[in-house]
């Protein structure tokens, strides 16, 4: 349980670091999805089902709220922030950050958090 709590805290900090406001409805959904995906779930569908059950929302509502959070980011600023966290250029302004891509990328950062620079 302690590991899960620590991972949720790290995921929330990563979201704030890339410019997602904690006041957004999808913020907690994204944080939970990142942690669940990083713990070895095979598909986003499985993650969405677990998170939607946890928060008592439909998977469609969950996805829409997360897309709203990600879509509200400025492409250039977000790329710069992600690249700064990774310490190398991993994304550019042409990279399409869908919910799935964003969750997978942040999950990898969470797995290798010793490399991150906030």
C-alpha atoms as a PDB file:
ATOM      1  CA  UNK A   1       0.000   0.000   0.000  1.00  0.00           C
ATOM      2  CA  UNK A   2       2.842   2.374   0.835  1.00  0.00           C
ATOM      3  CA  UNK A   3       4.388   1.839  -2.610  1.00  0.00           C
ATOM      4  CA  UNK A   4       1.066   2.599  -4.295  1.00  0.00           C
ATOM      5  CA  UNK A   5       0.637   5.814  -2.287  1.00  0.00           C
ATOM      6  CA  UNK A   6       4.191   6.872  -3.143  1.00  0.00           C
ATOM      7  CA  UNK A   7       3.569   6.177  -6.834  1.00  0.00           C
ATOM      8  CA  UNK A   8       0.319   8.203  -6.805  1.00  0.00           C
ATOM      9  CA  UNK A   9       2.214  11.124  -5.252  1.00  0.00           C
ATOM     10  CA  UNK A  10       4.945  10.883  -7.909  1.00  0.00           C
ATOM     11  CA  UNK A  11       2.388  10.648 -10.713  1.00  0.00           C
ATOM     12  CA  UNK A  12       0.597  13.743  -9.389  1.00  0.00           C
ATOM     13  CA  UNK A  13       3.906  15.644  -9.233  1.00  0.00           C
ATOM     14  CA  UNK A  14       4.725  14.605 -12.807  1.00  0.00           C
ATOM     15  CA  UNK A  15       1.343  15.878 -14.006  1.00  0.00           C
ATOM     16  CA  UNK A  16       1.890  19.196 -12.259  1.00  0.00           C
ATOM     17  CA  UNK A  17       5.411  19.361 -13.732  1.00  0.00           C
ATOM     18  CA  UNK A  18       4.068  19.059 -17.289  1.00  0.00           C
ATOM     19  CA  UNK A  19       1.473  21.755 -16.624  1.00  0.00           C
ATOM     20  CA  UNK A  20      -1.752  19.929 -15.734  1.00  0.00           C
ATOM     21  CA  UNK A  21      -3.677  21.679 -12.988  1.00  0.00           C
ATOM     22  CA  UNK A  22      -4.850  19.577 -10.035  1.00  0.00           C
ATOM     23  CA  UNK A  23      -8.162  21.431 -10.217  1.00  0.00           C
ATOM     24  CA  UNK A  24      -9.041  19.682 -13.495  1.00  0.00           C
ATOM     25  CA  UNK A  25     -11.532  16.853 -13.124  1.00  0.00           C
ATOM     26  CA  UNK A  26      -9.380  14.427 -15.119  1.00  0.00           C
ATOM     27  CA  UNK A  27      -6.254  15.076 -13.032  1.00  0.00           C
ATOM     28  CA  UNK A  28      -6.918  12.267 -10.537  1.00  0.00           C
ATOM     29  CA  UNK A  29      -8.046   9.946 -13.327  1.00  0.00           C
ATOM     30  CA  UNK A  30      -4.761  10.527 -15.156  1.00  0.00           C
ATOM     31  CA  UNK A  31      -2.670  10.011 -12.014  1.00  0.00           C
ATOM     32  CA  UNK A  32      -4.463   6.747 -11.205  1.00  0.00           C
ATOM     33  CA  UNK A  33      -4.197   5.556 -14.818  1.00  0.00           C
ATOM     34  CA  UNK A  34      -0.467   6.250 -14.921  1.00  0.00           C
ATOM     35  CA  UNK A  35       0.102   4.258 -11.734  1.00  0.00           C
ATOM     36  CA  UNK A  36      -2.099   1.351 -12.828  1.00  0.00           C
ATOM     37  CA  UNK A  37      -0.418   1.164 -16.250  1.00  0.00           C
ATOM     38  CA  UNK A  38       3.047   1.314 -14.699  1.00  0.00           C
ATOM     39  CA  UNK A  39       2.189  -1.645 -12.475  1.00  0.00           C
ATOM     40  CA  UNK A  40       1.983  -3.950 -15.448  1.00  0.00           C
ATOM     41  CA  UNK A  41      -1.522  -3.806 -16.852  1.00  0.00           C
ATOM     42  CA  UNK A  42      -1.485  -5.025 -20.424  1.00  0.00           C
ATOM     43  CA  UNK A  43      -3.976  -2.686 -22.039  1.00  0.00           C
ATOM     44  CA  UNK A  44      -5.419   0.758 -21.566  1.00  0.00           C
ATOM     45  CA  UNK A  45      -8.871  -0.772 -21.761  1.00  0.00           C
ATOM     46  CA  UNK A  46      -8.119  -2.794 -18.630  1.00  0.00           C
ATOM     47  CA  UNK A  47      -6.760   0.315 -16.913  1.00  0.00           C
ATOM     48  CA  UNK A  48      -9.800   2.375 -17.929  1.00  0.00           C
ATOM     49  CA  UNK A  49     -12.149  -0.292 -16.566  1.00  0.00           C
ATOM     50  CA  UNK A  50     -10.338  -0.402 -13.208  1.00  0.00           C
ATOM     51  CA  UNK A  51     -10.171   3.383 -12.865  1.00  0.00           C
ATOM     52  CA  UNK A  52     -13.761   3.939 -13.985  1.00  0.00           C
ATOM     53  CA  UNK A  53     -14.924   1.378 -11.395  1.00  0.00           C
ATOM     54  CA  UNK A  54     -12.794   3.032  -8.714  1.00  0.00           C
ATOM     55  CA  UNK A  55     -14.254   6.488  -9.425  1.00  0.00           C
ATOM     56  CA  UNK A  56     -17.772   5.289 -10.363  1.00  0.00           C
ATOM     57  CA  UNK A  57     -17.717   6.877 -13.824  1.00  0.00           C
ATOM     58  CA  UNK A  58     -18.100   5.398 -17.283  1.00  0.00           C
ATOM     59  CA  UNK A  59     -14.925   4.640 -19.273  1.00  0.00           C
ATOM     60  CA  UNK A  60     -16.114   7.180 -21.870  1.00  0.00           C
ATOM     61  CA  UNK A  61     -16.445   9.929 -19.252  1.00  0.00           C
ATOM     62  CA  UNK A  62     -13.053   8.969 -17.835  1.00  0.00           C
ATOM     63  CA  UNK A  63     -11.437   9.246 -21.269  1.00  0.00           C
ATOM     64  CA  UNK A  64     -13.127  12.568 -22.045  1.00  0.00           C
ATOM     65  CA  UNK A  65     -11.963  14.134 -18.776  1.00  0.00           C
ATOM     66  CA  UNK A  66      -8.386  12.950 -19.331  1.00  0.00           C
ATOM     67  CA  UNK A  67      -8.417  14.188 -22.951  1.00  0.00           C
ATOM     68  CA  UNK A  68      -9.599  17.580 -21.705  1.00  0.00           C
ATOM     69  CA  UNK A  69      -6.623  17.773 -19.328  1.00  0.00           C
ATOM     70  CA  UNK A  70      -4.117  16.757 -21.981  1.00  0.00           C
ATOM     71  CA  UNK A  71      -5.749  18.865 -24.690  1.00  0.00           C
ATOM     72  CA  UNK A  72      -5.479  21.968 -22.524  1.00  0.00           C
ATOM     73  CA  UNK A  73      -1.701  21.814 -22.601  1.00  0.00           C
ATOM     74  CA  UNK A  74       0.306  24.049 -24.888  1.00  0.00           C
ATOM     75  CA  UNK A  75       2.177  21.742 -27.275  1.00  0.00           C
ATOM     76  CA  UNK A  76       5.490  23.591 -27.148  1.00  0.00           C
ATOM     77  CA  UNK A  77       5.513  24.160 -23.386  1.00  0.00           C
ATOM     78  CA  UNK A  78       4.505  20.569 -22.687  1.00  0.00           C
ATOM     79  CA  UNK A  79       7.206  19.175 -24.957  1.00  0.00           C
ATOM     80  CA  UNK A  80       9.801  21.345 -23.275  1.00  0.00           C
ATOM     81  CA  UNK A  81       8.658  20.236 -19.818  1.00  0.00           C
ATOM     82  CA  UNK A  82       8.591  16.534 -20.733  1.00  0.00           C
ATOM     83  CA  UNK A  83      12.017  16.765 -22.359  1.00  0.00           C
ATOM     84  CA  UNK A  84      13.384  18.584 -19.329  1.00  0.00           C
ATOM     85  CA  UNK A  85      12.038  15.848 -17.039  1.00  0.00           C
ATOM     86  CA  UNK A  86      13.561  13.126 -19.229  1.00  0.00           C
ATOM     87  CA  UNK A  87      16.852  15.036 -19.640  1.00  0.00           C
ATOM     88  CA  UNK A  88      16.780  14.420 -23.404  1.00  0.00           C
ATOM     89  CA  UNK A  89      14.478  15.186 -26.313  1.00  0.00           C
ATOM     90  CA  UNK A  90      11.827  12.492 -26.258  1.00  0.00           C
ATOM     91  CA  UNK A  91       8.914  14.421 -27.775  1.00  0.00           C
ATOM     92  CA  UNK A  92       8.563  17.390 -30.085  1.00  0.00           C
ATOM     93  CA  UNK A  93       5.670  19.637 -31.069  1.00  0.00           C
ATOM     94  CA  UNK A  94       4.689  17.177 -33.827  1.00  0.00           C
ATOM     95  CA  UNK A  95       4.259  14.296 -31.360  1.00  0.00           C
ATOM     96  CA  UNK A  96       0.606  13.377 -30.954  1.00  0.00           C
ATOM     97  CA  UNK A  97      -0.101  13.111 -27.230  1.00  0.00           C
ATOM     98  CA  UNK A  98      -3.232  10.997 -27.061  1.00  0.00           C
ATOM     99  CA  UNK A  99      -4.413   9.724 -23.688  1.00  0.00           C
ATOM    100  CA  UNK A 100      -2.799   6.373 -24.406  1.00  0.00           C
ATOM    101  CA  UNK A 101       0.520   7.864 -25.504  1.00  0.00           C
ATOM    102  CA  UNK A 102       0.598  10.258 -22.564  1.00  0.00           C
ATOM    103  CA  UNK A 103      -0.264   7.578 -19.985  1.00  0.00           C
ATOM    104  CA  UNK A 104       2.310   5.167 -21.425  1.00  0.00           C
ATOM    105  CA  UNK A 105       5.032   7.834 -21.479  1.00  0.00           C
ATOM    106  CA  UNK A 106       4.332   9.009 -17.940  1.00  0.00           C
ATOM    107  CA  UNK A 107       4.173   5.377 -16.763  1.00  0.00           C
ATOM    108  CA  UNK A 108       7.661   4.779 -18.092  1.00  0.00           C
ATOM    109  CA  UNK A 109       8.848   7.902 -16.292  1.00  0.00           C
ATOM    110  CA  UNK A 110       7.289   6.567 -13.096  1.00  0.00           C
ATOM    111  CA  UNK A 111       9.061   3.214 -13.516  1.00  0.00           C
ATOM    112  CA  UNK A 112      12.409   4.919 -13.957  1.00  0.00           C
ATOM    113  CA  UNK A 113      11.827   7.820 -11.592  1.00  0.00           C
ATOM    114  CA  UNK A 114      15.468   7.968 -10.511  1.00  0.00           C
ATOM    115  CA  UNK A 115      16.203   9.451 -13.952  1.00  0.00           C
ATOM    116  CA  UNK A 116      13.617  12.205 -13.626  1.00  0.00           C
ATOM    117  CA  UNK A 117      14.470  15.798 -12.983  1.00  0.00           C
ATOM    118  CA  UNK A 118      11.684  17.987 -11.623  1.00  0.00           C
END
